[in-house]
């Protein structure tokens, strides 16, 4: 479960171009790490730290970006746990 949480945290914070998440997740799937791969596939395209900062600055409030980050993190963690 620790690998799923780490993958979810990385996926929530890092900015990865669209379709790159597949190239990142494929080696994990081939090695049998389906849980972390599922977490990355869900969290990577959803948000990134830079998008959350821009969103928070535009709104002049950090509550909504923080909530968005938590929802994406929890969704990724749940998806990863289902595929363990």
C-alpha atoms as a PDB file:
ATOM      1  CA  UNK A   1       0.000   0.000   0.000  1.00  0.00           C
ATOM      2  CA  UNK A   2       2.979   2.296   0.572  1.00  0.00           C
ATOM      3  CA  UNK A   3       3.879   2.116  -3.111  1.00  0.00           C
ATOM      4  CA  UNK A   4       0.324   3.061  -4.074  1.00  0.00           C
ATOM      5  CA  UNK A   5       0.389   6.087  -1.760  1.00  0.00           C
ATOM      6  CA  UNK A   6       3.790   7.163  -3.078  1.00  0.00           C
ATOM      7  CA  UNK A   7       2.641   6.791  -6.687  1.00  0.00           C
ATOM      8  CA  UNK A   8      -0.519   8.735  -5.917  1.00  0.00           C
ATOM      9  CA  UNK A   9       1.430  11.568  -4.270  1.00  0.00           C
ATOM     10  CA  UNK A  10       3.813  11.735  -7.230  1.00  0.00           C
ATOM     11  CA  UNK A  11       0.919  11.626  -9.672  1.00  0.00           C
ATOM     12  CA  UNK A  12      -0.913  14.409  -7.886  1.00  0.00           C
ATOM     13  CA  UNK A  13       2.056  16.783  -7.738  1.00  0.00           C
ATOM     14  CA  UNK A  14       3.997  16.246 -10.979  1.00  0.00           C
ATOM     15  CA  UNK A  15       3.079  17.665 -14.334  1.00  0.00           C
ATOM     16  CA  UNK A  16       3.213  15.035 -17.070  1.00  0.00           C
ATOM     17  CA  UNK A  17       2.110  15.661 -20.660  1.00  0.00           C
ATOM     18  CA  UNK A  18      -0.955  13.805 -21.879  1.00  0.00           C
ATOM     19  CA  UNK A  19      -0.290  10.230 -23.030  1.00  0.00           C
ATOM     20  CA  UNK A  20       3.040  10.164 -21.186  1.00  0.00           C
ATOM     21  CA  UNK A  21       1.349   8.573 -18.194  1.00  0.00           C
ATOM     22  CA  UNK A  22       0.830   5.452 -20.294  1.00  0.00           C
ATOM     23  CA  UNK A  23       4.561   5.212 -20.988  1.00  0.00           C
ATOM     24  CA  UNK A  24       5.202   5.680 -17.270  1.00  0.00           C
ATOM     25  CA  UNK A  25       2.623   3.099 -16.157  1.00  0.00           C
ATOM     26  CA  UNK A  26       3.406   0.384 -18.726  1.00  0.00           C
ATOM     27  CA  UNK A  27       6.724  -0.731 -17.160  1.00  0.00           C
ATOM     28  CA  UNK A  28       5.022  -0.872 -13.765  1.00  0.00           C
ATOM     29  CA  UNK A  29       2.260  -3.076 -15.165  1.00  0.00           C
ATOM     30  CA  UNK A  30       4.825  -5.342 -16.832  1.00  0.00           C
ATOM     31  CA  UNK A  31       6.583  -5.778 -13.460  1.00  0.00           C
ATOM     32  CA  UNK A  32       3.296  -6.660 -11.763  1.00  0.00           C
ATOM     33  CA  UNK A  33       2.865  -3.354  -9.960  1.00  0.00           C
ATOM     34  CA  UNK A  34      -0.700  -2.818 -11.080  1.00  0.00           C
ATOM     35  CA  UNK A  35      -1.758  -0.874  -7.987  1.00  0.00           C
ATOM     36  CA  UNK A  36       0.794   1.937  -8.372  1.00  0.00           C
ATOM     37  CA  UNK A  37       0.168   1.964 -12.135  1.00  0.00           C
ATOM     38  CA  UNK A  38      -3.567   2.451 -11.599  1.00  0.00           C
ATOM     39  CA  UNK A  39      -2.889   5.237  -9.113  1.00  0.00           C
ATOM     40  CA  UNK A  40      -0.596   6.996 -11.583  1.00  0.00           C
ATOM     41  CA  UNK A  41      -3.013   6.591 -14.483  1.00  0.00           C
ATOM     42  CA  UNK A  42      -5.730   8.271 -12.456  1.00  0.00           C
ATOM     43  CA  UNK A  43      -3.736  11.006 -10.718  1.00  0.00           C
ATOM     44  CA  UNK A  44      -1.200  12.079 -13.358  1.00  0.00           C
ATOM     45  CA  UNK A  45      -3.551  13.607 -15.932  1.00  0.00           C
ATOM     46  CA  UNK A  46      -5.900  15.179 -13.373  1.00  0.00           C
ATOM     47  CA  UNK A  47      -3.831  17.892 -11.654  1.00  0.00           C
ATOM     48  CA  UNK A  48      -0.294  19.012 -10.973  1.00  0.00           C
ATOM     49  CA  UNK A  49       1.336  21.255  -8.422  1.00  0.00           C
ATOM     50  CA  UNK A  50       1.752  24.043 -10.967  1.00  0.00           C
ATOM     51  CA  UNK A  51      -1.909  23.900 -12.010  1.00  0.00           C
ATOM     52  CA  UNK A  52      -3.000  23.961  -8.374  1.00  0.00           C
ATOM     53  CA  UNK A  53      -0.826  27.027  -7.698  1.00  0.00           C
ATOM     54  CA  UNK A  54      -2.203  28.858 -10.749  1.00  0.00           C
ATOM     55  CA  UNK A  55      -5.746  27.897  -9.805  1.00  0.00           C
ATOM     56  CA  UNK A  56      -5.257  29.065  -6.214  1.00  0.00           C
ATOM     57  CA  UNK A  57      -3.695  32.359  -7.287  1.00  0.00           C
ATOM     58  CA  UNK A  58      -6.522  33.028  -9.737  1.00  0.00           C
ATOM     59  CA  UNK A  59      -9.148  32.339  -7.091  1.00  0.00           C
ATOM     60  CA  UNK A  60      -7.174  34.078  -4.329  1.00  0.00           C
ATOM     61  CA  UNK A  61      -8.163  31.178  -2.143  1.00  0.00           C
ATOM     62  CA  UNK A  62      -6.374  27.901  -1.508  1.00  0.00           C
ATOM     63  CA  UNK A  63      -9.340  25.947  -0.179  1.00  0.00           C
ATOM     64  CA  UNK A  64     -10.676  24.776  -3.552  1.00  0.00           C
ATOM     65  CA  UNK A  65      -7.269  23.774  -4.994  1.00  0.00           C
ATOM     66  CA  UNK A  66      -6.482  21.956  -1.746  1.00  0.00           C
ATOM     67  CA  UNK A  67      -9.817  20.136  -1.908  1.00  0.00           C
ATOM     68  CA  UNK A  68      -9.159  19.232  -5.542  1.00  0.00           C
ATOM     69  CA  UNK A  69      -5.724  17.845  -4.646  1.00  0.00           C
ATOM     70  CA  UNK A  70      -7.196  15.789  -1.790  1.00  0.00           C
ATOM     71  CA  UNK A  71      -9.978  14.391  -3.991  1.00  0.00           C
ATOM     72  CA  UNK A  72      -7.521  13.423  -6.746  1.00  0.00           C
ATOM     73  CA  UNK A  73      -5.157  11.884  -4.179  1.00  0.00           C
ATOM     74  CA  UNK A  74      -7.924   9.859  -2.542  1.00  0.00           C
ATOM     75  CA  UNK A  75      -9.307   8.737  -5.913  1.00  0.00           C
ATOM     76  CA  UNK A  76      -5.872   7.595  -7.016  1.00  0.00           C
ATOM     77  CA  UNK A  77      -5.246   5.814  -3.731  1.00  0.00           C
ATOM     78  CA  UNK A  78      -8.587   4.006  -3.914  1.00  0.00           C
ATOM     79  CA  UNK A  79      -8.003   2.989  -7.535  1.00  0.00           C
ATOM     80  CA  UNK A  80      -4.513   1.778  -6.678  1.00  0.00           C
ATOM     81  CA  UNK A  81      -5.782  -0.205  -3.701  1.00  0.00           C
ATOM     82  CA  UNK A  82      -8.420  -1.887  -5.856  1.00  0.00           C
ATOM     83  CA  UNK A  83      -5.756  -3.111  -8.263  1.00  0.00           C
ATOM     84  CA  UNK A  84      -3.339  -4.458  -5.657  1.00  0.00           C
END
